[in-house]
Amino acid sequence: MVISFRKVSELSFDEAVRIWNLGFEGYSLPMTITLEAYMRRTINEGLSLEHSLVFYVGDEPAGFVLNGFRDINGKRIAWNGGTAIAPTYRGKAIGKKLMLKNLELYREQGVDIATLEALDQNEPAIKLYEHVGYEIMDRLVLLQHECPMSSTLFEQLDHHSYTITKGLPRDVNEISFYQRLSPWQTGWQSMKEGESLIIKQGSEVVGYALYKRGYDKEGQLIDITLYQCEVLPGHNDAEMIYTIVLGELFAPLDYLCKRKVFNLRESNQLLNVLLGKMGFKTTIKQVFMVRTMDKE
């Protein structure tokens, strides 16, 4: 069979959307996307269509990979923001060919670290990524809470000595314990319509959060999504700091809207426990995978 690759930038947006939906046909989660959503995702996540690939068998699209790039602390970071194989070509080693070609592209672009996320139940995909050098760095959970929140856990926090500041997402970038190598969509660069919350003890930053509030066409709050929340490592008051932050960003607690947590690290055990006590339930689990590009 004749195989070839094309840049996604060479396609019309309509064709790119068609190939996306074909690739995710029959997927375990609904992944069908509209043209508007595809364009919004490309912009918000900083995807490079010039450096994203479609794999063809003859004239038929067999699979694709979308890529984003960021420079963080002197390192070139790449994100695989979507890989899928058309149903006809699944189980035929197309994925391996596509990933190896994509790693060649990363080398050409001077990438130091490659990252991606995968559903934890998608064992064939995880094995494929491991086969080409990726390793699981952490496990991730997506959580949701659809009822008004109980204020019981927050009543003890009416009086505390911490100060809270709300600002722009980029404000967290100078914090020493900000999680820079995190799942792509949880980074401040993806928070174009988001907010930051920073908590201090005196002049020292001891905690932060990145989150977004979503509104309907009438301007009514419909959801609040937490993307990152961290406390200064080793702080002896970590539980209280987390609770203060969560109470502030999910307020008003008696308001009926969806409250969500996106790609929370399982290794952040204390935060996971607190969210569980607050009534959050896991909806999806993923793995966060990393490949160092000097590793062959």
C-alpha atoms as a PDB file:
ATOM      1  CA  MET A   1       0.000   0.000   0.000  1.00  0.00           C
ATOM      2  CA  VAL A   2       1.123   3.553  -0.759  1.00  0.00           C
ATOM      3  CA  ILE A   3       1.414   5.633   2.406  1.00  0.00           C
ATOM      4  CA  SER A   4       2.012   9.360   2.753  1.00  0.00           C
ATOM      5  CA  PHE A   5       1.736  12.229   5.221  1.00  0.00           C
ATOM      6  CA  ARG A   6       0.265  15.696   4.833  1.00  0.00           C
ATOM      7  CA  LYS A   7       0.278  18.703   7.122  1.00  0.00           C
ATOM      8  CA  VAL A   8      -3.106  19.515   8.610  1.00  0.00           C
ATOM      9  CA  SER A   9      -2.515  23.106   7.462  1.00  0.00           C
ATOM     10  CA  GLU A  10      -2.761  21.882   3.854  1.00  0.00           C
ATOM     11  CA  LEU A  11      -6.383  20.817   4.405  1.00  0.00           C
ATOM     12  CA  SER A  12      -9.547  22.883   4.591  1.00  0.00           C
ATOM     13  CA  PHE A  13     -11.037  23.213   8.068  1.00  0.00           C
ATOM     14  CA  ASP A  14     -14.060  21.212   6.899  1.00  0.00           C
ATOM     15  CA  GLU A  15     -11.795  18.347   5.817  1.00  0.00           C
ATOM     16  CA  ALA A  16      -9.778  18.522   9.044  1.00  0.00           C
ATOM     17  CA  VAL A  17     -12.994  18.262  11.072  1.00  0.00           C
ATOM     18  CA  ARG A  18     -14.188  15.345   8.930  1.00  0.00           C
ATOM     19  CA  ILE A  19     -10.921  13.482   9.543  1.00  0.00           C
ATOM     20  CA  TRP A  20     -11.111  14.199  13.302  1.00  0.00           C
ATOM     21  CA  ASN A  21     -14.633  12.778  13.519  1.00  0.00           C
ATOM     22  CA  LEU A  22     -13.691   9.786  11.369  1.00  0.00           C
ATOM     23  CA  GLY A  23     -10.693   9.042  13.580  1.00  0.00           C
ATOM     24  CA  PHE A  24     -12.761   9.103  16.773  1.00  0.00           C
ATOM     25  CA  GLU A  25     -15.703   7.167  15.333  1.00  0.00           C
ATOM     26  CA  GLY A  26     -16.803   4.470  17.796  1.00  0.00           C
ATOM     27  CA  TYR A  27     -14.595   5.899  20.566  1.00  0.00           C
ATOM     28  CA  SER A  28     -15.472   5.048  24.174  1.00  0.00           C
ATOM     29  CA  LEU A  29     -16.209   8.729  24.872  1.00  0.00           C
ATOM     30  CA  PRO A  30     -18.183  11.009  22.553  1.00  0.00           C
ATOM     31  CA  MET A  31     -15.514  12.941  20.630  1.00  0.00           C
ATOM     32  CA  THR A  32     -17.485  14.282  17.654  1.00  0.00           C
ATOM     33  CA  ILE A  33     -16.564  17.929  17.102  1.00  0.00           C
ATOM     34  CA  THR A  34     -18.064  20.826  15.158  1.00  0.00           C
ATOM     35  CA  LEU A  35     -16.153  23.214  12.927  1.00  0.00           C
ATOM     36  CA  GLU A  36     -16.596  26.004  15.474  1.00  0.00           C
ATOM     37  CA  ALA A  37     -15.349  23.800  18.330  1.00  0.00           C
ATOM     38  CA  TYR A  38     -12.381  22.593  16.263  1.00  0.00           C
ATOM     39  CA  MET A  39     -11.290  26.139  15.475  1.00  0.00           C
ATOM     40  CA  ARG A  40     -11.785  27.241  19.088  1.00  0.00           C
ATOM     41  CA  ARG A  41      -9.738  24.299  20.368  1.00  0.00           C
ATOM     42  CA  THR A  42      -6.946  25.022  17.890  1.00  0.00           C
ATOM     43  CA  ILE A  43      -6.702  28.633  19.074  1.00  0.00           C
ATOM     44  CA  ASN A  44      -7.204  28.094  22.805  1.00  0.00           C
ATOM     45  CA  GLU A  45      -4.684  25.243  23.055  1.00  0.00           C
ATOM     46  CA  GLY A  46      -2.112  26.830  20.753  1.00  0.00           C
ATOM     47  CA  LEU A  47      -2.146  23.912  18.314  1.00  0.00           C
ATOM     48  CA  SER A  48       0.133  24.173  15.297  1.00  0.00           C
ATOM     49  CA  LEU A  49      -1.658  22.879  12.185  1.00  0.00           C
ATOM     50  CA  GLU A  50       1.575  23.505  10.280  1.00  0.00           C
ATOM     51  CA  HIS A  51       3.244  20.877  12.467  1.00  0.00           C
ATOM     52  CA  SER A  52       0.366  18.407  12.770  1.00  0.00           C
ATOM     53  CA  LEU A  53       0.027  15.353  10.543  1.00  0.00           C
ATOM     54  CA  VAL A  54      -2.527  13.311   8.627  1.00  0.00           C
ATOM     55  CA  PHE A  55      -1.527   9.790   7.596  1.00  0.00           C
ATOM     56  CA  TYR A  56      -2.891   8.593   4.223  1.00  0.00           C
ATOM     57  CA  VAL A  57      -3.154   5.124   2.737  1.00  0.00           C
ATOM     58  CA  GLY A  58      -3.522   5.834  -0.928  1.00  0.00           C
ATOM     59  CA  ASP A  59      -6.002   8.705  -1.071  1.00  0.00           C
ATOM     60  CA  GLU A  60      -7.780   7.745   2.151  1.00  0.00           C
ATOM     61  CA  PRO A  61      -7.033   9.411   5.508  1.00  0.00           C
ATOM     62  CA  ALA A  62      -6.059   6.684   7.955  1.00  0.00           C
ATOM     63  CA  GLY A  63      -5.109   8.694  11.052  1.00  0.00           C
ATOM     64  CA  PHE A  64      -3.914  12.005  12.404  1.00  0.00           C
ATOM     65  CA  VAL A  65      -1.998  13.675  15.217  1.00  0.00           C
ATOM     66  CA  LEU A  66      -2.368  17.290  16.361  1.00  0.00           C
ATOM     67  CA  ASN A  67       0.572  19.025  18.037  1.00  0.00           C
ATOM     68  CA  GLY A  68       1.199  22.061  20.199  1.00  0.00           C
ATOM     69  CA  PHE A  69       4.529  23.554  21.280  1.00  0.00           C
ATOM     70  CA  ARG A  70       5.611  25.744  24.209  1.00  0.00           C
ATOM     71  CA  ASP A  71       8.925  26.984  25.557  1.00  0.00           C
ATOM     72  CA  ILE A  72       9.034  26.472  29.324  1.00  0.00           C
ATOM     73  CA  ASN A  73      12.115  27.173  31.462  1.00  0.00           C
ATOM     74  CA  GLY A  74      14.414  26.920  28.456  1.00  0.00           C
ATOM     75  CA  LYS A  75      12.904  23.614  27.301  1.00  0.00           C
ATOM     76  CA  ARG A  76      10.868  23.030  24.156  1.00  0.00           C
ATOM     77  CA  ILE A  77       7.731  21.142  25.199  1.00  0.00           C
ATOM     78  CA  ALA A  78       5.479  19.339  22.712  1.00  0.00           C
ATOM     79  CA  TRP A  79       1.944  18.149  23.343  1.00  0.00           C
ATOM     80  CA  ASN A  80       0.144  15.469  21.393  1.00  0.00           C
ATOM     81  CA  GLY A  81      -3.267  17.127  21.462  1.00  0.00           C
ATOM     82  CA  GLY A  82      -5.154  14.375  19.693  1.00  0.00           C
ATOM     83  CA  THR A  83      -4.307  11.119  17.937  1.00  0.00           C
ATOM     84  CA  ALA A  84      -6.863   8.864  16.271  1.00  0.00           C
ATOM     85  CA  ILE A  85      -7.029   6.128  13.647  1.00  0.00           C
ATOM     86  CA  ALA A  86      -9.918   5.665  11.206  1.00  0.00           C
ATOM     87  CA  PRO A  87     -11.945   2.491  11.971  1.00  0.00           C
ATOM     88  CA  THR A  88     -10.932   0.753   8.715  1.00  0.00           C
ATOM     89  CA  TYR A  89      -7.239   0.999   9.615  1.00  0.00           C
ATOM     90  CA  ARG A  90      -7.284   0.141  13.310  1.00  0.00           C
ATOM     91  CA  GLY A  91      -5.165  -2.842  14.318  1.00  0.00           C
ATOM     92  CA  LYS A  92      -2.912  -2.492  11.267  1.00  0.00           C
ATOM     93  CA  ALA A  93       0.143  -0.810  12.866  1.00  0.00           C
ATOM     94  CA  ILE A  94      -0.910   2.594  11.504  1.00  0.00           C
ATOM     95  CA  GLY A  95      -0.618   4.102  14.967  1.00  0.00           C
ATOM     96  CA  LYS A  96       3.019   3.085  15.327  1.00  0.00           C
ATOM     97  CA  LYS A  97       3.952   4.532  11.930  1.00  0.00           C
ATOM     98  CA  LEU A  98       2.146   7.754  12.783  1.00  0.00           C
ATOM     99  CA  MET A  99       3.828   8.104  16.180  1.00  0.00           C
ATOM    100  CA  LEU A 100       7.310   7.417  14.814  1.00  0.00           C
ATOM    101  CA  LYS A 101       6.785  10.004  12.087  1.00  0.00           C
ATOM    102  CA  ASN A 102       5.549  12.453  14.708  1.00  0.00           C
ATOM    103  CA  LEU A 103       8.675  11.916  16.810  1.00  0.00           C
ATOM    104  CA  GLU A 104      10.763  12.744  13.721  1.00  0.00           C
ATOM    105  CA  LEU A 105       8.813  15.989  13.457  1.00  0.00           C
ATOM    106  CA  TYR A 106       9.519  16.714  17.153  1.00  0.00           C
ATOM    107  CA  ARG A 107      13.245  16.262  16.590  1.00  0.00           C
ATOM    108  CA  GLU A 108      13.119  18.637  13.622  1.00  0.00           C
ATOM    109  CA  GLN A 109      11.414  21.202  15.867  1.00  0.00           C
ATOM    110  CA  GLY A 110      14.036  20.869  18.612  1.00  0.00           C
ATOM    111  CA  VAL A 111      11.638  19.383  21.144  1.00  0.00           C
ATOM    112  CA  ASP A 112      13.161  18.440  24.510  1.00  0.00           C
ATOM    113  CA  ILE A 113      10.130  16.872  26.201  1.00  0.00           C
ATOM    114  CA  ALA A 114       7.031  15.318  24.607  1.00  0.00           C
ATOM    115  CA  THR A 115       3.781  14.968  26.579  1.00  0.00           C
ATOM    116  CA  LEU A 116       0.305  13.523  26.108  1.00  0.00           C
ATOM    117  CA  GLU A 117      -2.702  12.239  27.999  1.00  0.00           C
ATOM    118  CA  ALA A 118      -4.605   9.001  27.366  1.00  0.00           C
ATOM    119  CA  LEU A 119      -7.690   7.407  28.873  1.00  0.00           C
ATOM    120  CA  ASP A 120      -6.526   4.894  31.450  1.00  0.00           C
ATOM    121  CA  GLN A 121      -8.779   2.158  30.042  1.00  0.00           C
ATOM    122  CA  ASN A 122      -7.342   2.621  26.547  1.00  0.00           C
ATOM    123  CA  GLU A 123      -4.645   0.000  27.051  1.00  0.00           C
ATOM    124  CA  PRO A 124      -3.741  -0.418  23.344  1.00  0.00           C
ATOM    125  CA  ALA A 125      -2.984   3.317  23.062  1.00  0.00           C
ATOM    126  CA  ILE A 126      -0.950   3.355  26.277  1.00  0.00           C
ATOM    127  CA  LYS A 127       1.076   0.335  25.114  1.00  0.00           C
ATOM    128  CA  LEU A 128       1.691   2.063  21.778  1.00  0.00           C
ATOM    129  CA  TYR A 129       2.958   5.220  23.487  1.00  0.00           C
ATOM    130  CA  GLU A 130       5.156   3.187  25.820  1.00  0.00           C
ATOM    131  CA  HIS A 131       6.531   1.283  22.823  1.00  0.00           C
ATOM    132  CA  VAL A 132       7.788   4.542  21.284  1.00  0.00           C
ATOM    133  CA  GLY A 133       9.354   5.756  24.532  1.00  0.00           C
ATOM    134  CA  TYR A 134       6.664   7.494  26.583  1.00  0.00           C
ATOM    135  CA  GLU A 135       6.360   6.736  30.298  1.00  0.00           C
ATOM    136  CA  ILE A 136       3.480   7.316  32.702  1.00  0.00           C
ATOM    137  CA  MET A 137       4.441  10.274  34.891  1.00  0.00           C
ATOM    138  CA  ASP A 138       1.192  10.533  36.855  1.00  0.00           C
ATOM    139  CA  ARG A 139      -2.452   9.505  36.817  1.00  0.00           C
ATOM    140  CA  LEU A 140      -5.217  12.054  36.364  1.00  0.00           C
ATOM    141  CA  VAL A 141      -8.850  12.315  37.397  1.00  0.00           C
ATOM    142  CA  LEU A 142     -11.750  14.413  36.168  1.00  0.00           C
ATOM    143  CA  LEU A 143     -14.292  15.142  38.898  1.00  0.00           C
ATOM    144  CA  GLN A 144     -17.743  16.672  39.015  1.00  0.00           C
ATOM    145  CA  HIS A 145     -20.219  18.026  41.585  1.00  0.00           C
ATOM    146  CA  GLU A 146     -23.677  19.004  40.326  1.00  0.00           C
ATOM    147  CA  CYS A 147     -25.480  20.075  43.516  1.00  0.00           C
ATOM    148  CA  PRO A 148     -25.089  23.118  45.762  1.00  0.00           C
ATOM    149  CA  MET A 149     -22.126  22.551  48.055  1.00  0.00           C
ATOM    150  CA  SER A 150     -22.400  22.112  51.802  1.00  0.00           C
ATOM    151  CA  SER A 151     -20.833  24.944  53.759  1.00  0.00           C
ATOM    152  CA  THR A 152     -20.052  22.681  56.748  1.00  0.00           C
ATOM    153  CA  LEU A 153     -16.434  22.091  55.741  1.00  0.00           C
ATOM    154  CA  PHE A 154     -15.875  25.826  55.348  1.00  0.00           C
ATOM    155  CA  GLU A 155     -17.489  27.148  58.536  1.00  0.00           C
ATOM    156  CA  GLN A 156     -14.250  26.902  60.521  1.00  0.00           C
ATOM    157  CA  LEU A 157     -12.549  29.200  58.012  1.00  0.00           C
ATOM    158  CA  ASP A 158     -14.482  32.392  58.697  1.00  0.00           C
ATOM    159  CA  HIS A 159     -11.439  33.850  60.440  1.00  0.00           C
ATOM    160  CA  HIS A 160      -7.919  33.222  59.158  1.00  0.00           C
ATOM    161  CA  SER A 161      -4.726  35.203  58.638  1.00  0.00           C
ATOM    162  CA  TYR A 162      -4.250  34.469  54.936  1.00  0.00           C
ATOM    163  CA  THR A 163      -4.803  36.996  52.162  1.00  0.00           C
ATOM    164  CA  ILE A 164      -6.450  36.057  48.860  1.00  0.00           C
ATOM    165  CA  THR A 165      -5.857  37.777  45.536  1.00  0.00           C
ATOM    166  CA  LYS A 166      -7.670  37.094  42.264  1.00  0.00           C
ATOM    167  CA  GLY A 167      -5.978  37.913  38.990  1.00  0.00           C
ATOM    168  CA  LEU A 168      -4.917  36.780  35.551  1.00  0.00           C
ATOM    169  CA  PRO A 169      -3.807  33.198  34.826  1.00  0.00           C
ATOM    170  CA  ARG A 170      -0.254  34.292  33.975  1.00  0.00           C
ATOM    171  CA  ASP A 171       0.146  35.627  37.511  1.00  0.00           C
ATOM    172  CA  VAL A 172       0.963  32.102  38.733  1.00  0.00           C
ATOM    173  CA  ASN A 173       3.956  31.757  36.406  1.00  0.00           C
ATOM    174  CA  GLU A 174       6.400  33.340  38.878  1.00  0.00           C
ATOM    175  CA  ILE A 175       5.359  31.096  41.771  1.00  0.00           C
ATOM    176  CA  SER A 176       8.227  28.778  42.671  1.00  0.00           C
ATOM    177  CA  PHE A 177       6.004  25.687  43.077  1.00  0.00           C
ATOM    178  CA  TYR A 178       3.798  26.330  40.036  1.00  0.00           C
ATOM    179  CA  GLN A 179       3.385  23.041  38.139  1.00  0.00           C
ATOM    180  CA  ARG A 180       4.941  23.923  34.778  1.00  0.00           C
ATOM    181  CA  LEU A 181       5.230  20.404  33.389  1.00  0.00           C
ATOM    182  CA  SER A 182       1.574  19.600  33.823  1.00  0.00           C
ATOM    183  CA  PRO A 183      -1.142  18.284  31.495  1.00  0.00           C
ATOM    184  CA  TRP A 184      -1.231  20.834  28.651  1.00  0.00           C
ATOM    185  CA  GLN A 185      -4.766  22.139  29.174  1.00  0.00           C
ATOM    186  CA  THR A 186      -4.123  22.834  32.859  1.00  0.00           C
ATOM    187  CA  GLY A 187      -1.274  25.269  32.162  1.00  0.00           C
ATOM    188  CA  TRP A 188      -1.861  29.020  32.503  1.00  0.00           C
ATOM    189  CA  GLN A 189      -1.276  29.438  28.751  1.00  0.00           C
ATOM    190  CA  SER A 190      -4.529  27.539  28.096  1.00  0.00           C
ATOM    191  CA  MET A 191      -6.512  29.744  30.495  1.00  0.00           C
ATOM    192  CA  LYS A 192      -7.401  32.461  27.975  1.00  0.00           C
ATOM    193  CA  GLU A 193     -10.793  32.990  29.623  1.00  0.00           C
ATOM    194  CA  GLY A 194      -9.669  31.885  33.055  1.00  0.00           C
ATOM    195  CA  GLU A 195      -8.680  33.362  36.404  1.00  0.00           C
ATOM    196  CA  SER A 196      -6.049  32.804  39.048  1.00  0.00           C
ATOM    197  CA  LEU A 197      -6.378  32.796  42.804  1.00  0.00           C
ATOM    198  CA  ILE A 198      -3.268  33.305  44.912  1.00  0.00           C
ATOM    199  CA  ILE A 199      -3.146  32.940  48.693  1.00  0.00           C
ATOM    200  CA  LYS A 200      -0.398  34.478  50.821  1.00  0.00           C
ATOM    201  CA  GLN A 201       0.818  34.256  54.401  1.00  0.00           C
ATOM    202  CA  GLY A 202       2.322  37.668  54.931  1.00  0.00           C
ATOM    203  CA  SER A 203       4.347  38.276  51.778  1.00  0.00           C
ATOM    204  CA  GLU A 204       4.912  34.574  51.001  1.00  0.00           C
ATOM    205  CA  VAL A 205       2.784  32.761  48.425  1.00  0.00           C
ATOM    206  CA  VAL A 206       1.522  29.542  50.006  1.00  0.00           C
ATOM    207  CA  GLY A 207      -1.113  28.412  47.500  1.00  0.00           C
ATOM    208  CA  TYR A 208      -2.676  29.074  44.133  1.00  0.00           C
ATOM    209  CA  ALA A 209      -5.415  27.899  41.785  1.00  0.00           C
ATOM    210  CA  LEU A 210      -6.214  28.219  38.086  1.00  0.00           C
ATOM    211  CA  TYR A 211      -9.872  28.004  37.110  1.00  0.00           C
ATOM    212  CA  LYS A 212     -12.563  29.092  34.673  1.00  0.00           C
ATOM    213  CA  ARG A 213     -16.149  30.205  35.103  1.00  0.00           C
ATOM    214  CA  GLY A 214     -18.581  29.437  32.284  1.00  0.00           C
ATOM    215  CA  TYR A 215     -21.670  31.505  31.493  1.00  0.00           C
ATOM    216  CA  ASP A 216     -24.703  31.027  29.264  1.00  0.00           C
ATOM    217  CA  LYS A 217     -25.958  33.529  26.663  1.00  0.00           C
ATOM    218  CA  GLU A 218     -27.862  35.427  29.338  1.00  0.00           C
ATOM    219  CA  GLY A 219     -24.738  35.786  31.478  1.00  0.00           C
ATOM    220  CA  GLN A 220     -25.812  33.255  34.111  1.00  0.00           C
ATOM    221  CA  LEU A 221     -23.073  31.193  35.755  1.00  0.00           C
ATOM    222  CA  ILE A 222     -23.384  27.574  34.594  1.00  0.00           C
ATOM    223  CA  ASP A 223     -20.108  25.949  35.614  1.00  0.00           C
ATOM    224  CA  ILE A 224     -16.821  26.420  37.471  1.00  0.00           C
ATOM    225  CA  THR A 225     -13.835  24.295  36.444  1.00  0.00           C
ATOM    226  CA  LEU A 226     -10.643  23.921  38.483  1.00  0.00           C
ATOM    227  CA  TYR A 227      -7.487  23.175  36.450  1.00  0.00           C
ATOM    228  CA  GLN A 228      -4.644  23.494  38.960  1.00  0.00           C
ATOM    229  CA  CYS A 229      -4.516  23.889  42.738  1.00  0.00           C
ATOM    230  CA  GLU A 230      -1.311  23.598  44.715  1.00  0.00           C
ATOM    231  CA  VAL A 231       0.014  24.459  48.174  1.00  0.00           C
ATOM    232  CA  LEU A 232       3.598  25.292  49.091  1.00  0.00           C
ATOM    233  CA  PRO A 233       5.288  21.873  49.566  1.00  0.00           C
ATOM    234  CA  GLY A 234       5.841  20.980  53.217  1.00  0.00           C
ATOM    235  CA  HIS A 235       3.517  23.665  54.604  1.00  0.00           C
ATOM    236  CA  ASN A 236       2.082  22.495  57.932  1.00  0.00           C
ATOM    237  CA  ASP A 237      -1.290  24.127  57.258  1.00  0.00           C
ATOM    238  CA  ALA A 238      -1.836  22.628  53.805  1.00  0.00           C
ATOM    239  CA  GLU A 239      -5.335  21.256  54.449  1.00  0.00           C
ATOM    240  CA  MET A 240      -6.638  24.621  55.622  1.00  0.00           C
ATOM    241  CA  ILE A 241      -5.043  26.439  52.670  1.00  0.00           C
ATOM    242  CA  TYR A 242      -6.605  24.033  50.179  1.00  0.00           C
ATOM    243  CA  THR A 243      -9.984  24.396  51.885  1.00  0.00           C
ATOM    244  CA  ILE A 244      -9.794  28.203  51.817  1.00  0.00           C
ATOM    245  CA  VAL A 245      -8.909  28.162  48.115  1.00  0.00           C
ATOM    246  CA  LEU A 246     -11.679  25.714  47.196  1.00  0.00           C
ATOM    247  CA  GLY A 247     -14.271  27.612  49.206  1.00  0.00           C
ATOM    248  CA  GLU A 248     -13.322  30.836  47.458  1.00  0.00           C
ATOM    249  CA  LEU A 249     -13.198  29.645  43.862  1.00  0.00           C
ATOM    250  CA  PHE A 250     -16.317  27.458  44.027  1.00  0.00           C
ATOM    251  CA  ALA A 251     -18.380  30.210  45.691  1.00  0.00           C
ATOM    252  CA  PRO A 252     -21.223  30.954  46.023  1.00  0.00           C
ATOM    253  CA  LEU A 253     -21.526  27.498  47.571  1.00  0.00           C
ATOM    254  CA  ASP A 254     -25.336  27.488  47.660  1.00  0.00           C
ATOM    255  CA  TYR A 255     -25.576  28.307  43.940  1.00  0.00           C
ATOM    256  CA  LEU A 256     -26.755  25.501  41.652  1.00  0.00           C
ATOM    257  CA  CYS A 257     -24.230  24.955  38.858  1.00  0.00           C
ATOM    258  CA  LYS A 258     -21.780  22.310  37.725  1.00  0.00           C
ATOM    259  CA  ARG A 259     -18.472  22.340  39.575  1.00  0.00           C
ATOM    260  CA  LYS A 260     -15.720  20.390  37.849  1.00  0.00           C
ATOM    261  CA  VAL A 261     -12.060  19.482  38.306  1.00  0.00           C
ATOM    262  CA  PHE A 262     -10.049  18.799  35.148  1.00  0.00           C
ATOM    263  CA  ASN A 263      -7.033  16.472  35.032  1.00  0.00           C
ATOM    264  CA  LEU A 264      -6.180  16.602  38.726  1.00  0.00           C
ATOM    265  CA  ARG A 265      -2.989  14.725  39.585  1.00  0.00           C
ATOM    266  CA  GLU A 266      -3.688  11.616  41.662  1.00  0.00           C
ATOM    267  CA  SER A 267      -0.312  12.214  43.330  1.00  0.00           C
ATOM    268  CA  ASN A 268      -1.850  15.306  44.965  1.00  0.00           C
ATOM    269  CA  GLN A 269      -3.430  13.026  47.549  1.00  0.00           C
ATOM    270  CA  LEU A 270      -4.580  15.625  50.066  1.00  0.00           C
ATOM    271  CA  LEU A 271      -6.507  17.620  47.474  1.00  0.00           C
ATOM    272  CA  ASN A 272      -8.128  14.437  46.151  1.00  0.00           C
ATOM    273  CA  VAL A 273      -9.270  13.505  49.663  1.00  0.00           C
ATOM    274  CA  LEU A 274     -10.697  16.966  50.350  1.00  0.00           C
ATOM    275  CA  LEU A 275     -12.639  17.040  47.082  1.00  0.00           C
ATOM    276  CA  GLY A 276     -14.045  13.619  47.911  1.00  0.00           C
ATOM    277  CA  LYS A 277     -15.246  14.909  51.293  1.00  0.00           C
ATOM    278  CA  MET A 278     -16.905  17.812  49.489  1.00  0.00           C
ATOM    279  CA  GLY A 279     -18.928  15.416  47.352  1.00  0.00           C
ATOM    280  CA  PHE A 280     -16.993  15.411  44.084  1.00  0.00           C
ATOM    281  CA  LYS A 281     -17.232  12.190  42.068  1.00  0.00           C
ATOM    282  CA  THR A 282     -14.768  10.834  39.518  1.00  0.00           C
ATOM    283  CA  THR A 283     -16.105  10.837  35.950  1.00  0.00           C
ATOM    284  CA  ILE A 284     -12.994  10.032  33.890  1.00  0.00           C
ATOM    285  CA  LYS A 285      -9.481   8.739  34.597  1.00  0.00           C
ATOM    286  CA  GLN A 286      -6.442   9.374  32.412  1.00  0.00           C
ATOM    287  CA  VAL A 287      -2.691   8.893  32.420  1.00  0.00           C
ATOM    288  CA  PHE A 288      -0.164  11.696  31.916  1.00  0.00           C
ATOM    289  CA  MET A 289       2.703  10.447  29.772  1.00  0.00           C
ATOM    290  CA  VAL A 290       6.099  12.034  29.098  1.00  0.00           C
ATOM    291  CA  ARG A 291       8.945  11.228  26.735  1.00  0.00           C
ATOM    292  CA  THR A 292      12.394  12.801  27.017  1.00  0.00           C
ATOM    293  CA  MET A 293      13.520  13.316  23.442  1.00  0.00           C
ATOM    294  CA  ASP A 294      17.190  12.487  24.067  1.00  0.00           C
ATOM    295  CA  LYS A 295      16.029   9.017  25.073  1.00  0.00           C
ATOM    296  CA  GLU A 296      16.080   6.604  22.142  1.00  0.00           C
END
